[in-house]
Amino acid sequence: MYRPYLIAILFSFGFAPLTRAAEPTVTPTPIAAPDAKRLVDQISAEEKEKANDLWNQAMEAFSARSYKVAAKLLNTYVEKYPGTTEAIDARYSLAQSYLYSKQPAAAIPFFTAVIEIRGRSPLGNEARTYLGQAYLDDQKFSEAYLVSEELLSQDSLGTTFRAKALLLRAHAQAGLKQNLEAEKTLVTFQTVAESDPELESEIAGSFLVSVLLKANHCDSLPSSKFLTEDQVIDQLSRKGICVLEMATYLAKAAKRLSEDELSAAGDALAHSLNSYRLDCESPPLAPGKLPAAKAKVARNELSEKLLDGYRSSEKLLRESFRERENLKSILKKLEVKPTVKKI
């Protein structure tokens, strides 16, 4: 049901049909309340009761999505009762709590511990998708790619995990600026995911990777630090069009993105728009044979022409977002303007 819409949008941008390399869906994994008989026999009845009480408090906080509170309680549980069978589940819920409360670096060692214990079981592979997401959130794209490779190396991997692994790989490739490889991976993801009704959120979330790939393309312009005047005008005009296309695509995809995905897409758009402005302010004009003073004048005159184009693009972008309630948060991101030219 998504493919015609997706292909139409992507071909309008010159892309192969893509879907986003996104985060594995982060829905809290329900964990049953512990059975006191499962606790190690060595601790006293009083300690067993305290352990159960602490566990129940942690699970109540987790179920209420109070992840910072849950993380604190679960961390205490793991430290005080490391020998219980529940400690394995506690590590998993603790890792999820860190991930959902935007502490990916803290989540990584606990997801890794669960994987070491659960191996290639369904729970172990689920933990791998979360570990990959934690690496993505922590901007560790190479590590996220390796997690996707470990998943895809499993011969018995089911369709759902295979699709999630492909999505993870594509997102990692986009983060590594491997644009062509990411596009190919997304096409493969779409082929696998379109036959699995359980992957609706992943298909919708795949739009984020498409936005990130568009951002990579926009940010690759201008192609050199020193260009002729005609080349500067051409490439920065293309950059302006690219940013507007990116904004248009984001506006169309916004309703399908989660809050976190929309925020990430907004960050990418804000970065590309500001990159465009900074390049217009300091165009990469080759000095040629002009004396330094005349070269400076020529650069300033060119900058004024380019900034006129930037202002028109920014105005159009803001007007298209202003009437959309779910895009107002992105407008706020666009207000932040760096004063240092990117390297």
C-alpha atoms as a PDB file:
ATOM      1  CA  MET A   1       0.000   0.000   0.000  1.00  0.00           C
ATOM      2  CA  TYR A   2       2.976   2.345   0.438  1.00  0.00           C
ATOM      3  CA  ARG A   3       5.019   1.569  -2.659  1.00  0.00           C
ATOM      4  CA  PRO A   4       3.295   3.722  -5.315  1.00  0.00           C
ATOM      5  CA  TYR A   5       3.327   6.764  -3.036  1.00  0.00           C
ATOM      6  CA  LEU A   6       6.948   6.211  -2.068  1.00  0.00           C
ATOM      7  CA  ILE A   7       8.219   5.580  -5.585  1.00  0.00           C
ATOM      8  CA  ALA A   8       6.451   8.681  -6.904  1.00  0.00           C
ATOM      9  CA  ILE A   9       8.058  10.898  -4.286  1.00  0.00           C
ATOM     10  CA  LEU A  10      11.518   9.449  -4.622  1.00  0.00           C
ATOM     11  CA  PHE A  11      11.654   9.506  -8.378  1.00  0.00           C
ATOM     12  CA  SER A  12      10.645  13.183  -8.161  1.00  0.00           C
ATOM     13  CA  PHE A  13      13.962  13.699  -6.334  1.00  0.00           C
ATOM     14  CA  GLY A  14      16.019  11.508  -8.621  1.00  0.00           C
ATOM     15  CA  PHE A  15      16.238   8.695  -6.053  1.00  0.00           C
ATOM     16  CA  ALA A  16      15.669   5.037  -6.443  1.00  0.00           C
ATOM     17  CA  PRO A  17      12.609   4.030  -4.387  1.00  0.00           C
ATOM     18  CA  LEU A  18      13.788   4.212  -0.809  1.00  0.00           C
ATOM     19  CA  THR A  19      12.541   3.515   2.644  1.00  0.00           C
ATOM     20  CA  ARG A  20      14.226   4.746   5.729  1.00  0.00           C
ATOM     21  CA  ALA A  21      17.031   3.054   7.580  1.00  0.00           C
ATOM     22  CA  ALA A  22      15.583   3.679  10.826  1.00  0.00           C
ATOM     23  CA  GLU A  23      15.625   2.724  14.296  1.00  0.00           C
ATOM     24  CA  PRO A  24      14.248  -0.655  15.139  1.00  0.00           C
ATOM     25  CA  THR A  25      10.800   0.009  16.612  1.00  0.00           C
ATOM     26  CA  VAL A  26      11.249   0.862  20.235  1.00  0.00           C
ATOM     27  CA  THR A  27       8.104  -0.530  21.844  1.00  0.00           C
ATOM     28  CA  PRO A  28       8.541  -1.571  25.446  1.00  0.00           C
ATOM     29  CA  THR A  29       8.931  -5.325  25.717  1.00  0.00           C
ATOM     30  CA  PRO A  30       6.473  -6.616  28.332  1.00  0.00           C
ATOM     31  CA  ILE A  31       8.211  -8.604  31.030  1.00  0.00           C
ATOM     32  CA  ALA A  32       6.215 -10.752  33.411  1.00  0.00           C
ATOM     33  CA  ALA A  33       6.422 -10.120  37.146  1.00  0.00           C
ATOM     34  CA  PRO A  34       9.012 -12.379  38.747  1.00  0.00           C
ATOM     35  CA  ASP A  35       8.086 -15.610  40.418  1.00  0.00           C
ATOM     36  CA  ALA A  36       9.698 -15.731  43.854  1.00  0.00           C
ATOM     37  CA  LYS A  37      10.625 -19.375  43.272  1.00  0.00           C
ATOM     38  CA  ARG A  38      12.981 -18.290  40.506  1.00  0.00           C
ATOM     39  CA  LEU A  39      15.103 -16.234  42.907  1.00  0.00           C
ATOM     40  CA  VAL A  40      18.275 -17.876  44.187  1.00  0.00           C
ATOM     41  CA  ASP A  41      17.765 -19.855  47.367  1.00  0.00           C
ATOM     42  CA  GLN A  42      20.665 -18.255  49.194  1.00  0.00           C
ATOM     43  CA  ILE A  43      18.985 -14.916  49.882  1.00  0.00           C
ATOM     44  CA  SER A  44      16.673 -14.588  52.851  1.00  0.00           C
ATOM     45  CA  ALA A  45      12.896 -14.459  52.689  1.00  0.00           C
ATOM     46  CA  GLU A  46      13.105 -10.795  53.664  1.00  0.00           C
ATOM     47  CA  GLU A  47      15.521 -10.076  50.803  1.00  0.00           C
ATOM     48  CA  LYS A  48      13.272 -11.990  48.405  1.00  0.00           C
ATOM     49  CA  GLU A  49      10.397  -9.744  49.371  1.00  0.00           C
ATOM     50  CA  LYS A  50      12.541  -6.627  48.942  1.00  0.00           C
ATOM     51  CA  ALA A  51      13.693  -7.884  45.549  1.00  0.00           C
ATOM     52  CA  ASN A  52      10.097  -8.465  44.450  1.00  0.00           C
ATOM     53  CA  ASP A  53       9.034  -5.035  45.680  1.00  0.00           C
ATOM     54  CA  LEU A  54      11.907  -3.340  43.868  1.00  0.00           C
ATOM     55  CA  TRP A  55      11.164  -5.279  40.685  1.00  0.00           C
ATOM     56  CA  ASN A  56       7.472  -4.370  40.803  1.00  0.00           C
ATOM     57  CA  GLN A  57       8.280  -0.685  41.318  1.00  0.00           C
ATOM     58  CA  ALA A  58      10.671  -0.754  38.377  1.00  0.00           C
ATOM     59  CA  MET A  59       8.138  -2.468  36.120  1.00  0.00           C
ATOM     60  CA  GLU A  60       5.414  -0.024  37.107  1.00  0.00           C
ATOM     61  CA  ALA A  61       7.677   2.881  36.162  1.00  0.00           C
ATOM     62  CA  PHE A  62       8.647   1.150  32.913  1.00  0.00           C
ATOM     63  CA  SER A  63       5.009   0.483  31.986  1.00  0.00           C
ATOM     64  CA  ALA A  64       4.186   4.125  32.748  1.00  0.00           C
ATOM     65  CA  ARG A  65       7.042   5.157  30.405  1.00  0.00           C
ATOM     66  CA  SER A  66       8.834   6.874  33.273  1.00  0.00           C
ATOM     67  CA  TYR A  67      12.084   5.570  31.872  1.00  0.00           C
ATOM     68  CA  LYS A  68      14.492   7.635  33.953  1.00  0.00           C
ATOM     69  CA  VAL A  69      12.818   6.399  37.129  1.00  0.00           C
ATOM     70  CA  ALA A  70      12.766   2.841  35.794  1.00  0.00           C
ATOM     71  CA  ALA A  71      16.454   3.021  34.900  1.00  0.00           C
ATOM     72  CA  LYS A  72      17.378   4.110  38.424  1.00  0.00           C
ATOM     73  CA  LEU A  73      15.337   1.312  40.013  1.00  0.00           C
ATOM     74  CA  LEU A  74      16.520  -1.345  37.582  1.00  0.00           C
ATOM     75  CA  ASN A  75      20.138  -0.322  38.020  1.00  0.00           C
ATOM     76  CA  THR A  76      19.718  -0.770  41.777  1.00  0.00           C
ATOM     77  CA  TYR A  77      18.137  -4.188  41.187  1.00  0.00           C
ATOM     78  CA  VAL A  78      20.993  -5.370  38.985  1.00  0.00           C
ATOM     79  CA  GLU A  79      23.577  -4.187  41.506  1.00  0.00           C
ATOM     80  CA  LYS A  80      21.857  -5.679  44.566  1.00  0.00           C
ATOM     81  CA  TYR A  81      20.584  -8.930  43.057  1.00  0.00           C
ATOM     82  CA  PRO A  82      23.001  -9.888  40.246  1.00  0.00           C
ATOM     83  CA  GLY A  83      22.583 -13.624  40.888  1.00  0.00           C
ATOM     84  CA  THR A  84      18.851 -13.836  40.301  1.00  0.00           C
ATOM     85  CA  THR A  85      17.367 -15.081  37.067  1.00  0.00           C
ATOM     86  CA  GLU A  86      15.363 -11.844  36.965  1.00  0.00           C
ATOM     87  CA  ALA A  87      18.625  -9.933  36.677  1.00  0.00           C
ATOM     88  CA  ILE A  88      18.787 -10.920  33.000  1.00  0.00           C
ATOM     89  CA  ASP A  89      15.358  -9.405  32.335  1.00  0.00           C
ATOM     90  CA  ALA A  90      16.327  -6.441  34.496  1.00  0.00           C
ATOM     91  CA  ARG A  91      19.390  -5.763  32.335  1.00  0.00           C
ATOM     92  CA  TYR A  92      17.238  -5.840  29.210  1.00  0.00           C
ATOM     93  CA  SER A  93      14.619  -3.475  30.643  1.00  0.00           C
ATOM     94  CA  LEU A  94      17.412  -1.275  32.001  1.00  0.00           C
ATOM     95  CA  ALA A  95      18.974  -1.062  28.541  1.00  0.00           C
ATOM     96  CA  GLN A  96      15.607  -0.166  27.017  1.00  0.00           C
ATOM     97  CA  SER A  97      15.011   2.457  29.702  1.00  0.00           C
ATOM     98  CA  TYR A  98      18.349   4.084  28.924  1.00  0.00           C
ATOM     99  CA  LEU A  99      17.586   4.010  25.200  1.00  0.00           C
ATOM    100  CA  TYR A 100      14.104   5.523  25.575  1.00  0.00           C
ATOM    101  CA  SER A 101      15.403   8.235  27.919  1.00  0.00           C
ATOM    102  CA  LYS A 102      17.976   9.233  25.295  1.00  0.00           C
ATOM    103  CA  GLN A 103      21.027   7.759  27.014  1.00  0.00           C
ATOM    104  CA  PRO A 104      22.206   5.403  24.253  1.00  0.00           C
ATOM    105  CA  ALA A 105      25.799   5.127  25.483  1.00  0.00           C
ATOM    106  CA  ALA A 106      24.560   3.837  28.828  1.00  0.00           C
ATOM    107  CA  ALA A 107      22.256   1.319  27.101  1.00  0.00           C
ATOM    108  CA  ILE A 108      24.949  -0.285  24.932  1.00  0.00           C
ATOM    109  CA  PRO A 109      26.766  -2.440  27.547  1.00  0.00           C
ATOM    110  CA  PHE A 110      23.487  -3.812  28.913  1.00  0.00           C
ATOM    111  CA  PHE A 111      22.149  -4.775  25.481  1.00  0.00           C
ATOM    112  CA  THR A 112      25.522  -6.412  24.832  1.00  0.00           C
ATOM    113  CA  ALA A 113      25.227  -8.382  28.077  1.00  0.00           C
ATOM    114  CA  VAL A 114      21.774  -9.662  27.119  1.00  0.00           C
ATOM    115  CA  ILE A 115      23.066 -10.720  23.689  1.00  0.00           C
ATOM    116  CA  GLU A 116      25.960 -12.628  25.263  1.00  0.00           C
ATOM    117  CA  ILE A 117      23.506 -14.540  27.450  1.00  0.00           C
ATOM    118  CA  ARG A 118      20.685 -15.081  24.934  1.00  0.00           C
ATOM    119  CA  GLY A 119      22.850 -15.698  21.855  1.00  0.00           C
ATOM    120  CA  ARG A 120      20.949 -16.017  18.570  1.00  0.00           C
ATOM    121  CA  SER A 121      17.588 -16.672  20.173  1.00  0.00           C
ATOM    122  CA  PRO A 122      14.615 -14.427  19.264  1.00  0.00           C
ATOM    123  CA  LEU A 123      15.265 -12.356  22.405  1.00  0.00           C
ATOM    124  CA  GLY A 124      18.958 -12.143  21.555  1.00  0.00           C
ATOM    125  CA  ASN A 125      18.171 -10.899  18.053  1.00  0.00           C
ATOM    126  CA  GLU A 126      15.624  -8.444  19.376  1.00  0.00           C
ATOM    127  CA  ALA A 127      18.327  -7.108  21.664  1.00  0.00           C
ATOM    128  CA  ARG A 128      20.611  -6.791  18.627  1.00  0.00           C
ATOM    129  CA  THR A 129      18.107  -4.532  16.841  1.00  0.00           C
ATOM    130  CA  TYR A 130      17.958  -2.346  19.940  1.00  0.00           C
ATOM    131  CA  LEU A 131      21.756  -2.379  20.230  1.00  0.00           C
ATOM    132  CA  GLY A 132      21.971  -1.219  16.631  1.00  0.00           C
ATOM    133  CA  GLN A 133      19.557   1.602  17.413  1.00  0.00           C
ATOM    134  CA  ALA A 134      21.595   2.617  20.439  1.00  0.00           C
ATOM    135  CA  TYR A 135      24.699   2.819  18.238  1.00  0.00           C
ATOM    136  CA  LEU A 136      22.806   4.951  15.703  1.00  0.00           C
ATOM    137  CA  ASP A 137      21.583   7.294  18.436  1.00  0.00           C
ATOM    138  CA  ASP A 138      25.152   7.534  19.740  1.00  0.00           C
ATOM    139  CA  GLN A 139      26.396   8.408  16.212  1.00  0.00           C
ATOM    140  CA  LYS A 140      28.449   5.186  16.054  1.00  0.00           C
ATOM    141  CA  PHE A 141      27.501   4.228  12.517  1.00  0.00           C
ATOM    142  CA  SER A 142      30.289   1.709  11.904  1.00  0.00           C
ATOM    143  CA  GLU A 143      29.269  -0.225  15.021  1.00  0.00           C
ATOM    144  CA  ALA A 144      25.604  -0.136  13.961  1.00  0.00           C
ATOM    145  CA  TYR A 145      26.592  -1.486  10.548  1.00  0.00           C
ATOM    146  CA  LEU A 146      28.470  -4.385  12.167  1.00  0.00           C
ATOM    147  CA  VAL A 147      25.385  -5.255  14.231  1.00  0.00           C
ATOM    148  CA  SER A 148      23.295  -5.394  11.050  1.00  0.00           C
ATOM    149  CA  GLU A 149      25.910  -7.646   9.455  1.00  0.00           C
ATOM    150  CA  GLU A 150      25.832 -10.004  12.441  1.00  0.00           C
ATOM    151  CA  LEU A 151      22.054 -10.276  12.122  1.00  0.00           C
ATOM    152  CA  LEU A 152      22.090 -10.798   8.369  1.00  0.00           C
ATOM    153  CA  SER A 153      24.751 -13.500   8.660  1.00  0.00           C
ATOM    154  CA  GLN A 154      22.248 -15.795  10.376  1.00  0.00           C
ATOM    155  CA  ASP A 155      20.847 -18.363   7.940  1.00  0.00           C
ATOM    156  CA  SER A 156      17.709 -18.938   9.981  1.00  0.00           C
ATOM    157  CA  LEU A 157      16.874 -15.251  10.452  1.00  0.00           C
ATOM    158  CA  GLY A 158      13.146 -14.656   9.921  1.00  0.00           C
ATOM    159  CA  THR A 159      11.619 -12.109   7.557  1.00  0.00           C
ATOM    160  CA  THR A 160      10.847  -9.557  10.283  1.00  0.00           C
ATOM    161  CA  PHE A 161      14.359  -9.540  11.740  1.00  0.00           C
ATOM    162  CA  ARG A 162      15.862  -9.529   8.248  1.00  0.00           C
ATOM    163  CA  ALA A 163      13.862  -6.423   7.306  1.00  0.00           C
ATOM    164  CA  LYS A 164      14.834  -4.668  10.536  1.00  0.00           C
ATOM    165  CA  ALA A 165      18.484  -5.569   9.980  1.00  0.00           C
ATOM    166  CA  LEU A 166      18.361  -4.148   6.444  1.00  0.00           C
ATOM    167  CA  LEU A 167      16.795  -0.959   7.776  1.00  0.00           C
ATOM    168  CA  LEU A 168      19.530  -0.727  10.409  1.00  0.00           C
ATOM    169  CA  ARG A 169      22.211  -1.258   7.760  1.00  0.00           C
ATOM    170  CA  ALA A 170      20.755   1.415   5.458  1.00  0.00           C
ATOM    171  CA  HIS A 171      20.610   3.943   8.290  1.00  0.00           C
ATOM    172  CA  ALA A 172      24.216   3.168   9.216  1.00  0.00           C
ATOM    173  CA  GLN A 173      25.284   3.529   5.582  1.00  0.00           C
ATOM    174  CA  ALA A 174      23.537   6.897   5.359  1.00  0.00           C
ATOM    175  CA  GLY A 175      25.378   7.991   8.500  1.00  0.00           C
ATOM    176  CA  LEU A 176      28.651   6.873   6.915  1.00  0.00           C
ATOM    177  CA  LYS A 177      27.784   8.887   3.748  1.00  0.00           C
ATOM    178  CA  GLN A 178      27.642   5.670   1.699  1.00  0.00           C
ATOM    179  CA  ASN A 179      24.692   7.002  -0.241  1.00  0.00           C
ATOM    180  CA  LEU A 180      24.608   4.592  -3.180  1.00  0.00           C
ATOM    181  CA  GLU A 181      24.953   1.561  -0.912  1.00  0.00           C
ATOM    182  CA  ALA A 182      22.220   2.899   1.394  1.00  0.00           C
ATOM    183  CA  GLU A 183      19.834   3.366  -1.533  1.00  0.00           C
ATOM    184  CA  LYS A 184      20.433  -0.208  -2.672  1.00  0.00           C
ATOM    185  CA  THR A 185      19.896  -1.519   0.846  1.00  0.00           C
ATOM    186  CA  LEU A 186      16.631   0.388   1.130  1.00  0.00           C
ATOM    187  CA  VAL A 187      15.355  -1.097  -2.113  1.00  0.00           C
ATOM    188  CA  THR A 188      16.128  -4.560  -0.709  1.00  0.00           C
ATOM    189  CA  PHE A 189      14.413  -3.607   2.544  1.00  0.00           C
ATOM    190  CA  GLN A 190      11.297  -2.557   0.665  1.00  0.00           C
ATOM    191  CA  THR A 191      11.191  -5.847  -1.206  1.00  0.00           C
ATOM    192  CA  VAL A 192      11.354  -7.792   2.061  1.00  0.00           C
ATOM    193  CA  ALA A 193       9.127  -5.521   4.153  1.00  0.00           C
ATOM    194  CA  GLU A 194       6.208  -5.069   1.764  1.00  0.00           C
ATOM    195  CA  SER A 195       5.131  -8.683   2.344  1.00  0.00           C
ATOM    196  CA  ASP A 196       5.166  -8.401   6.165  1.00  0.00           C
ATOM    197  CA  PRO A 197       2.191  -6.571   7.731  1.00  0.00           C
ATOM    198  CA  GLU A 198       4.044  -6.399  11.062  1.00  0.00           C
ATOM    199  CA  LEU A 199       6.544  -3.953   9.568  1.00  0.00           C
ATOM    200  CA  GLU A 200       4.178  -1.060   8.919  1.00  0.00           C
ATOM    201  CA  SER A 201       6.001   1.211  11.369  1.00  0.00           C
ATOM    202  CA  GLU A 202       9.376   0.295   9.829  1.00  0.00           C
ATOM    203  CA  ILE A 203       8.073   1.085   6.347  1.00  0.00           C
ATOM    204  CA  ALA A 204       6.782   4.440   7.570  1.00  0.00           C
ATOM    205  CA  GLY A 205       9.990   5.063   9.507  1.00  0.00           C
ATOM    206  CA  SER A 206      12.096   4.349   6.456  1.00  0.00           C
ATOM    207  CA  PHE A 207      11.250   7.844   5.242  1.00  0.00           C
ATOM    208  CA  LEU A 208      13.826   9.192   7.699  1.00  0.00           C
ATOM    209  CA  VAL A 209      16.710   7.541   5.872  1.00  0.00           C
ATOM    210  CA  SER A 210      15.453   9.000   2.619  1.00  0.00           C
ATOM    211  CA  VAL A 211      15.552  12.451   4.223  1.00  0.00           C
ATOM    212  CA  LEU A 212      19.072  11.776   5.526  1.00  0.00           C
ATOM    213  CA  LEU A 213      20.241  10.679   2.089  1.00  0.00           C
ATOM    214  CA  LYS A 214      18.773  13.829   0.578  1.00  0.00           C
ATOM    215  CA  ALA A 215      20.635  15.824   3.220  1.00  0.00           C
ATOM    216  CA  ASN A 216      23.867  14.064   2.278  1.00  0.00           C
ATOM    217  CA  HIS A 217      23.332  15.083  -1.335  1.00  0.00           C
ATOM    218  CA  CYS A 218      22.596  18.713  -0.403  1.00  0.00           C
ATOM    219  CA  ASP A 219      25.609  18.915   1.883  1.00  0.00           C
ATOM    220  CA  SER A 220      27.950  17.561  -0.803  1.00  0.00           C
ATOM    221  CA  LEU A 221      27.574  20.890  -2.647  1.00  0.00           C
ATOM    222  CA  PRO A 222      29.669  22.859  -3.440  1.00  0.00           C
ATOM    223  CA  SER A 223      32.054  20.174  -4.600  1.00  0.00           C
ATOM    224  CA  SER A 224      35.290  22.110  -4.036  1.00  0.00           C
ATOM    225  CA  LYS A 225      36.777  24.908  -1.946  1.00  0.00           C
ATOM    226  CA  PHE A 226      37.806  26.781  -5.100  1.00  0.00           C
ATOM    227  CA  LEU A 227      35.438  27.198  -8.059  1.00  0.00           C
ATOM    228  CA  THR A 228      34.926  29.692 -10.852  1.00  0.00           C
ATOM    229  CA  GLU A 229      32.109  32.205 -10.440  1.00  0.00           C
ATOM    230  CA  ASP A 230      29.850  30.321 -12.873  1.00  0.00           C
ATOM    231  CA  GLN A 231      30.479  27.061 -11.026  1.00  0.00           C
ATOM    232  CA  VAL A 232      29.747  28.649  -7.656  1.00  0.00           C
ATOM    233  CA  ILE A 233      26.453  30.090  -8.901  1.00  0.00           C
ATOM    234  CA  ASP A 234      25.453  26.798 -10.513  1.00  0.00           C
ATOM    235  CA  GLN A 235      26.297  24.586  -7.559  1.00  0.00           C
ATOM    236  CA  LEU A 236      24.784  26.805  -4.890  1.00  0.00           C
ATOM    237  CA  SER A 237      21.630  27.210  -6.965  1.00  0.00           C
ATOM    238  CA  ARG A 238      21.427  23.418  -7.087  1.00  0.00           C
ATOM    239  CA  LYS A 239      22.029  23.305  -3.347  1.00  0.00           C
ATOM    240  CA  GLY A 240      19.140  25.685  -2.744  1.00  0.00           C
ATOM    241  CA  ILE A 241      16.827  23.553  -4.891  1.00  0.00           C
ATOM    242  CA  CYS A 242      18.028  20.439  -3.076  1.00  0.00           C
ATOM    243  CA  VAL A 243      17.176  21.935   0.332  1.00  0.00           C
ATOM    244  CA  LEU A 244      13.686  22.914  -0.870  1.00  0.00           C
ATOM    245  CA  GLU A 245      13.136  19.406  -2.246  1.00  0.00           C
ATOM    246  CA  MET A 246      14.238  18.004   1.075  1.00  0.00           C
ATOM    247  CA  ALA A 247      11.761  20.263   2.904  1.00  0.00           C
ATOM    248  CA  THR A 248       8.940  19.291   0.537  1.00  0.00           C
ATOM    249  CA  TYR A 249       9.655  15.605   1.020  1.00  0.00           C
ATOM    250  CA  LEU A 250       9.782  16.034   4.794  1.00  0.00           C
ATOM    251  CA  ALA A 251       6.442  17.868   4.789  1.00  0.00           C
ATOM    252  CA  LYS A 252       4.841  14.998   2.861  1.00  0.00           C
ATOM    253  CA  ALA A 253       6.369  12.319   5.079  1.00  0.00           C
ATOM    254  CA  ALA A 254       5.899  14.099   8.428  1.00  0.00           C
ATOM    255  CA  LYS A 255       2.641  12.376   9.391  1.00  0.00           C
ATOM    256  CA  ARG A 256       4.267   8.974   8.986  1.00  0.00           C
ATOM    257  CA  LEU A 257       7.272   9.750  11.175  1.00  0.00           C
ATOM    258  CA  SER A 258       7.448   9.230  14.912  1.00  0.00           C
ATOM    259  CA  GLU A 259       8.268  12.187  17.151  1.00  0.00           C
ATOM    260  CA  ASP A 260      11.933  11.157  17.404  1.00  0.00           C
ATOM    261  CA  GLU A 261      12.191  10.503  13.664  1.00  0.00           C
ATOM    262  CA  LEU A 262      10.620  13.876  12.872  1.00  0.00           C
ATOM    263  CA  SER A 263      13.096  15.540  15.216  1.00  0.00           C
ATOM    264  CA  ALA A 264      16.041  13.792  13.522  1.00  0.00           C
ATOM    265  CA  ALA A 265      14.739  14.783  10.082  1.00  0.00           C
ATOM    266  CA  GLY A 266      14.300  18.356  11.311  1.00  0.00           C
ATOM    267  CA  ASP A 267      17.887  18.424  12.556  1.00  0.00           C
ATOM    268  CA  ALA A 268      19.096  17.258   9.145  1.00  0.00           C
ATOM    269  CA  LEU A 269      17.048  19.921   7.354  1.00  0.00           C
ATOM    270  CA  ALA A 270      18.236  22.668   9.714  1.00  0.00           C
ATOM    271  CA  HIS A 271      21.850  21.612   9.156  1.00  0.00           C
ATOM    272  CA  SER A 272      21.466  21.624   5.370  1.00  0.00           C
ATOM    273  CA  LEU A 273      19.687  24.999   5.339  1.00  0.00           C
ATOM    274  CA  ASN A 274      22.362  26.568   7.531  1.00  0.00           C
ATOM    275  CA  SER A 275      25.086  24.985   5.421  1.00  0.00           C
ATOM    276  CA  TYR A 276      23.477  26.619   2.371  1.00  0.00           C
ATOM    277  CA  ARG A 277      23.445  30.027   4.087  1.00  0.00           C
ATOM    278  CA  LEU A 278      27.057  29.785   5.218  1.00  0.00           C
ATOM    279  CA  ASP A 279      28.204  28.814   1.729  1.00  0.00           C
ATOM    280  CA  CYS A 280      26.365  31.830   0.327  1.00  0.00           C
ATOM    281  CA  GLU A 281      27.987  34.096   2.897  1.00  0.00           C
ATOM    282  CA  SER A 282      31.462  32.735   2.111  1.00  0.00           C
ATOM    283  CA  PRO A 283      31.300  31.360  -1.441  1.00  0.00           C
ATOM    284  CA  PRO A 284      34.179  29.093  -2.529  1.00  0.00           C
ATOM    285  CA  LEU A 285      35.314  31.483  -5.240  1.00  0.00           C
ATOM    286  CA  ALA A 286      38.771  30.853  -6.638  1.00  0.00           C
ATOM    287  CA  PRO A 287      40.833  34.068  -6.385  1.00  0.00           C
ATOM    288  CA  GLY A 288      42.236  33.706  -9.896  1.00  0.00           C
ATOM    289  CA  LYS A 289      44.701  36.390 -10.925  1.00  0.00           C
ATOM    290  CA  LEU A 290      42.930  39.299  -9.228  1.00  0.00           C
ATOM    291  CA  PRO A 291      44.801  41.312  -6.595  1.00  0.00           C
ATOM    292  CA  ALA A 292      43.705  40.523  -3.054  1.00  0.00           C
ATOM    293  CA  ALA A 293      41.636  43.689  -2.662  1.00  0.00           C
ATOM    294  CA  LYS A 294      39.716  43.142  -5.922  1.00  0.00           C
ATOM    295  CA  ALA A 295      39.252  39.440  -5.173  1.00  0.00           C
ATOM    296  CA  LYS A 296      37.638  40.392  -1.855  1.00  0.00           C
ATOM    297  CA  VAL A 297      35.279  42.829  -3.579  1.00  0.00           C
ATOM    298  CA  ALA A 298      34.325  40.197  -6.159  1.00  0.00           C
ATOM    299  CA  ARG A 299      33.657  37.650  -3.430  1.00  0.00           C
ATOM    300  CA  ASN A 300      31.454  40.086  -1.490  1.00  0.00           C
ATOM    301  CA  GLU A 301      29.442  40.988  -4.597  1.00  0.00           C
ATOM    302  CA  LEU A 302      28.924  37.322  -5.409  1.00  0.00           C
ATOM    303  CA  SER A 303      27.908  36.629  -1.806  1.00  0.00           C
ATOM    304  CA  GLU A 304      25.172  39.268  -1.978  1.00  0.00           C
ATOM    305  CA  LYS A 305      23.733  37.693  -5.131  1.00  0.00           C
ATOM    306  CA  LEU A 306      23.772  34.231  -3.579  1.00  0.00           C
ATOM    307  CA  LEU A 307      22.212  35.443  -0.319  1.00  0.00           C
ATOM    308  CA  ASP A 308      19.274  36.868  -2.274  1.00  0.00           C
ATOM    309  CA  GLY A 309      18.591  33.360  -3.517  1.00  0.00           C
ATOM    310  CA  TYR A 310      19.016  31.924  -0.035  1.00  0.00           C
ATOM    311  CA  ARG A 311      16.559  34.416   1.495  1.00  0.00           C
ATOM    312  CA  SER A 312      13.942  33.558  -1.116  1.00  0.00           C
ATOM    313  CA  SER A 313      14.390  29.826  -0.477  1.00  0.00           C
ATOM    314  CA  GLU A 314      14.239  30.243   3.295  1.00  0.00           C
ATOM    315  CA  LYS A 315      11.076  32.351   3.070  1.00  0.00           C
ATOM    316  CA  LEU A 316       9.381  29.767   0.860  1.00  0.00           C
ATOM    317  CA  LEU A 317      10.404  26.957   3.184  1.00  0.00           C
ATOM    318  CA  ARG A 318       9.125  28.709   6.290  1.00  0.00           C
ATOM    319  CA  GLU A 319       5.810  29.620   4.671  1.00  0.00           C
ATOM    320  CA  SER A 320       5.223  26.018   3.638  1.00  0.00           C
ATOM    321  CA  PHE A 321       5.888  24.809   7.212  1.00  0.00           C
ATOM    322  CA  ARG A 322       4.114  27.565   9.154  1.00  0.00           C
ATOM    323  CA  GLU A 323       0.587  26.275   8.587  1.00  0.00           C
ATOM    324  CA  ARG A 324       1.443  22.695   9.526  1.00  0.00           C
ATOM    325  CA  GLU A 325       1.022  22.072  13.246  1.00  0.00           C
ATOM    326  CA  ASN A 326       3.309  19.024  13.272  1.00  0.00           C
ATOM    327  CA  LEU A 327       6.096  20.993  11.573  1.00  0.00           C
ATOM    328  CA  LYS A 328       6.213  23.949  13.951  1.00  0.00           C
ATOM    329  CA  SER A 329       8.824  22.187  16.060  1.00  0.00           C
ATOM    330  CA  ILE A 330      11.063  22.055  12.977  1.00  0.00           C
ATOM    331  CA  LEU A 331      10.583  25.781  12.406  1.00  0.00           C
ATOM    332  CA  LYS A 332      12.116  26.359  15.826  1.00  0.00           C
ATOM    333  CA  LYS A 333      15.151  24.309  14.810  1.00  0.00           C
ATOM    334  CA  LEU A 334      15.569  26.516  11.757  1.00  0.00           C
ATOM    335  CA  GLU A 335      15.904  29.584  13.976  1.00  0.00           C
ATOM    336  CA  VAL A 336      19.318  28.408  15.244  1.00  0.00           C
ATOM    337  CA  LYS A 337      21.961  29.807  12.911  1.00  0.00           C
ATOM    338  CA  PRO A 338      25.664  28.994  13.361  1.00  0.00           C
ATOM    339  CA  THR A 339      28.114  31.843  12.860  1.00  0.00           C
ATOM    340  CA  VAL A 340      31.108  29.714  11.919  1.00  0.00           C
ATOM    341  CA  LYS A 341      31.426  28.395   8.398  1.00  0.00           C
ATOM    342  CA  LYS A 342      31.513  24.617   8.208  1.00  0.00           C
ATOM    343  CA  ILE A 343      34.773  22.988   7.162  1.00  0.00           C
END
